[in-house]
Amino acid sequence: MSILAQGTNAQTYRLNFTDVDGNPLSIGDGRINVVVVTSKASVDKARAVGDRIPDFCLANPAYRMITVVTFETKHSAPIRAVCKSVMRHRLDSEAQLLKKRYDEHKITHDARKDVFAVADFDGAIATQFGVKADAALFHVFVFGKTGELLKQWSDVPGAEELAAVLK
C-alpha cells in the first residue's frame, strides 16, 4: 500500500518492520510515530527532525521516532551486515546526543532504547510509503496511535509545526 500515492490524512495504515537492533516495530501499535524515510545522503536531515521533537515526547513511551534509511544500490548479505553495524554505531552516537537533552530535563531513562533505525536494502519499505529510493529521498510522516496518517512533509518540518501535530 502506498501512502503518498493513495494516502490522505485520517487514512489508517498498518506497517511493520524490524530495526537494525532486531526490534519489531509497527505503525498503529498505540504510539504516535514520527517516521523519517531517507536516503544515506539525506540522513543528517533526520537528525534535524529528531532535534525538533518536542520535550514532552522525550522518554515518553507514547511517542517514537523511526528513521528508515533506504539504500539506492543492491548489497550482498555481508555488506548488509556491515551497513547495519555502521547504523548501530551511528545510533549509539545519536543516543549520546539525545542523552544530553535527557540530562537537561533530568531524565534518567537510557536514551539508546529510544532511537530506532531501519535499513531498507531493497526499497520495499520506501515503496510502502509511496516513495522511490534515490539519492535525494527525504520524507517525514506522523502517524497517530491507531496508524492514521496525521501529517507528512517532504522536507524538515519546523519545530512548532511538528509539535502541533504531535499534541
Protein backbone atom coordinates (compact mmCIF):
# COMPACT_ATOMS: atom_id res chain seq x y z
CA MET A 1 0.00 0.00 0.00
CA SER A 2 1.42 3.40 -0.95
CA ILE A 3 0.85 6.29 1.42
CA LEU A 4 1.74 9.12 -0.93
CA ALA A 5 0.00 7.65 -3.94
CA GLN A 6 -3.19 6.67 -2.12
CA GLY A 7 -2.98 8.28 1.28
CA THR A 8 -4.62 11.26 2.78
CA ASN A 9 -4.70 12.46 6.34
CA ALA A 10 -7.04 10.40 8.54
CA GLN A 11 -6.49 7.22 6.49
CA THR A 12 -5.24 4.32 8.65
CA TYR A 13 -2.13 2.23 7.94
CA ARG A 14 -0.63 -0.94 9.42
CA LEU A 15 3.07 -1.08 8.59
CA ASN A 16 5.59 -3.42 10.18
CA PHE A 17 9.37 -3.53 10.01
CA THR A 18 12.38 -4.67 12.03
CA ASP A 19 15.02 -2.19 13.12
CA VAL A 20 18.80 -2.74 12.93
CA ASP A 21 18.78 -3.90 16.58
CA GLY A 22 16.29 -6.67 15.72
CA ASN A 23 13.29 -4.98 17.36
CA PRO A 24 9.93 -5.40 15.62
CA LEU A 25 8.30 -2.01 15.00
CA SER A 26 4.72 -1.35 13.99
CA ILE A 27 2.75 1.68 12.90
CA GLY A 28 -0.65 1.59 14.60
CA ASP A 29 0.59 -0.08 17.80
CA GLY A 30 -0.86 2.52 20.17
CA ARG A 31 2.01 5.01 19.85
CA ILE A 32 2.36 8.19 17.89
CA ASN A 33 5.13 7.52 15.37
CA VAL A 34 7.29 10.01 13.53
CA VAL A 35 8.77 8.11 10.59
CA VAL A 36 11.56 9.63 8.53
CA VAL A 37 12.23 7.86 5.22
CA THR A 38 15.58 9.00 3.88
CA SER A 39 18.50 8.12 1.67
CA LYS A 40 22.03 7.87 3.08
CA ALA A 41 22.78 11.26 1.53
CA SER A 42 19.94 12.98 3.42
CA VAL A 43 20.37 11.24 6.79
CA ASP A 44 21.53 14.46 8.51
CA LYS A 45 18.05 15.86 7.87
CA ALA A 46 16.70 13.00 10.02
CA ARG A 47 18.86 14.29 12.89
CA ALA A 48 17.33 17.74 12.36
CA VAL A 49 13.86 16.22 12.72
CA GLY A 50 14.98 14.46 15.91
CA ASP A 51 16.33 17.73 17.28
CA ARG A 52 12.89 19.27 16.71
CA ILE A 53 10.96 16.57 18.54
CA PRO A 54 9.27 18.44 21.43
CA ASP A 55 10.40 17.90 25.01
CA PHE A 56 7.06 16.34 26.01
CA CYS A 57 7.92 13.39 23.75
CA LEU A 58 11.30 12.68 25.36
CA ALA A 59 11.41 9.22 27.02
CA ASN A 60 7.63 9.11 26.67
CA PRO A 61 6.56 5.60 25.56
CA ALA A 62 3.52 7.08 23.79
CA TYR A 63 5.87 8.59 21.14
CA ARG A 64 8.54 7.09 18.91
CA MET A 65 10.71 8.31 16.04
CA ILE A 66 11.85 5.77 13.46
CA THR A 67 14.39 6.55 10.75
CA VAL A 68 14.20 4.36 7.64
CA VAL A 69 17.42 4.57 5.63
CA THR A 70 16.95 3.45 2.05
CA PHE A 71 19.95 2.29 0.04
CA GLU A 72 19.83 3.02 -3.68
CA THR A 73 22.01 0.07 -4.72
CA LYS A 74 21.66 -3.64 -4.05
CA HIS A 75 24.02 -5.09 -1.42
CA SER A 76 25.13 -8.64 -0.68
CA ALA A 77 24.42 -10.20 2.73
CA PRO A 78 27.92 -9.46 4.11
CA ILE A 79 27.70 -5.82 3.01
CA ARG A 80 24.22 -5.54 4.53
CA ALA A 81 25.63 -6.81 7.85
CA VAL A 82 28.38 -4.17 7.71
CA CYS A 83 25.85 -1.44 6.87
CA LYS A 84 23.66 -2.47 9.82
CA SER A 85 26.70 -2.44 12.11
CA VAL A 86 27.58 1.07 10.94
CA MET A 87 23.97 2.14 11.52
CA ARG A 88 24.02 0.71 15.07
CA HIS A 89 27.24 2.61 15.75
CA ARG A 90 25.62 5.80 14.46
CA LEU A 91 22.59 5.13 16.69
CA ASP A 92 24.96 4.87 19.66
CA SER A 93 26.30 8.32 18.76
CA GLU A 94 22.79 9.71 18.31
CA ALA A 95 21.84 8.30 21.71
CA GLN A 96 24.73 10.21 23.28
CA LEU A 97 23.38 13.43 21.78
CA LEU A 98 19.87 12.57 22.98
CA LYS A 99 21.25 11.84 26.45
CA LYS A 100 22.40 15.46 26.67
CA ARG A 101 18.78 16.54 26.16
CA TYR A 102 17.67 13.95 28.71
CA ASP A 103 20.21 15.28 31.21
CA GLU A 104 18.91 18.84 30.72
CA HIS A 105 15.44 17.59 31.71
CA LYS A 106 16.71 15.25 34.46
CA ILE A 107 15.51 12.17 32.56
CA THR A 108 17.39 9.07 33.69
CA HIS A 109 15.99 6.71 31.01
CA ASP A 110 18.55 5.02 28.68
CA ALA A 111 18.49 7.17 25.54
CA ARG A 112 19.78 4.32 23.36
CA LYS A 113 16.48 2.50 23.90
CA ASP A 114 14.69 5.46 22.30
CA VAL A 115 16.49 5.62 18.95
CA PHE A 116 15.31 3.40 16.11
CA ALA A 117 16.61 2.91 12.58
CA VAL A 118 15.56 0.53 9.85
CA ALA A 119 17.75 -0.45 6.88
CA ASP A 120 15.78 -0.64 3.63
CA PHE A 121 18.12 -2.51 1.29
CA ASP A 122 15.67 -3.38 -1.44
CA GLY A 123 13.40 -0.33 -1.43
CA ALA A 124 10.41 -2.36 -0.22
CA ILE A 125 9.81 -0.14 2.79
CA ALA A 126 10.13 3.07 0.77
CA THR A 127 7.61 1.62 -1.67
CA GLN A 128 5.11 1.15 1.18
CA PHE A 129 5.41 4.90 1.76
CA GLY A 130 4.98 5.59 -1.95
CA VAL A 131 8.47 6.98 -2.43
CA LYS A 132 11.27 5.90 -4.73
CA ALA A 133 14.72 5.13 -3.37
CA ASP A 134 17.09 7.72 -4.80
CA ALA A 135 19.90 9.93 -3.54
CA ALA A 136 17.56 12.85 -2.72
CA LEU A 137 14.94 10.82 -0.83
CA PHE A 138 13.58 12.53 2.29
CA HIS A 139 10.05 12.39 3.74
CA VAL A 140 8.60 12.76 7.23
CA PHE A 141 5.34 11.06 8.23
CA VAL A 142 3.46 11.33 11.53
CA PHE A 143 1.07 8.51 12.37
CA GLY A 144 -1.45 8.51 15.22
CA LYS A 145 -1.93 5.75 17.76
CA THR A 146 -4.09 3.59 15.51
CA GLY A 147 -2.00 4.20 12.39
CA GLU A 148 -3.88 7.17 11.00
CA LEU A 149 -1.70 9.46 8.89
CA LEU A 150 -1.71 12.81 10.69
CA LYS A 151 0.76 14.79 8.58
CA GLN A 152 3.57 14.41 6.06
CA TRP A 153 6.36 16.62 4.77
CA SER A 154 8.98 16.31 2.03
CA ASP A 155 11.45 18.44 3.99
CA VAL A 156 12.35 19.01 7.64
CA PRO A 157 9.29 20.48 9.39
CA GLY A 158 9.59 23.42 11.73
CA ALA A 159 9.69 22.67 15.46
CA GLU A 160 6.34 24.41 16.11
CA GLU A 161 4.70 22.69 13.15
CA LEU A 162 5.89 19.28 14.34
CA ALA A 163 4.85 19.96 17.95
CA ALA A 164 1.36 20.99 16.84
CA VAL A 165 0.84 17.65 15.08
CA LEU A 166 2.24 15.63 17.97
CA LYS A 167 0.00 17.18 20.64
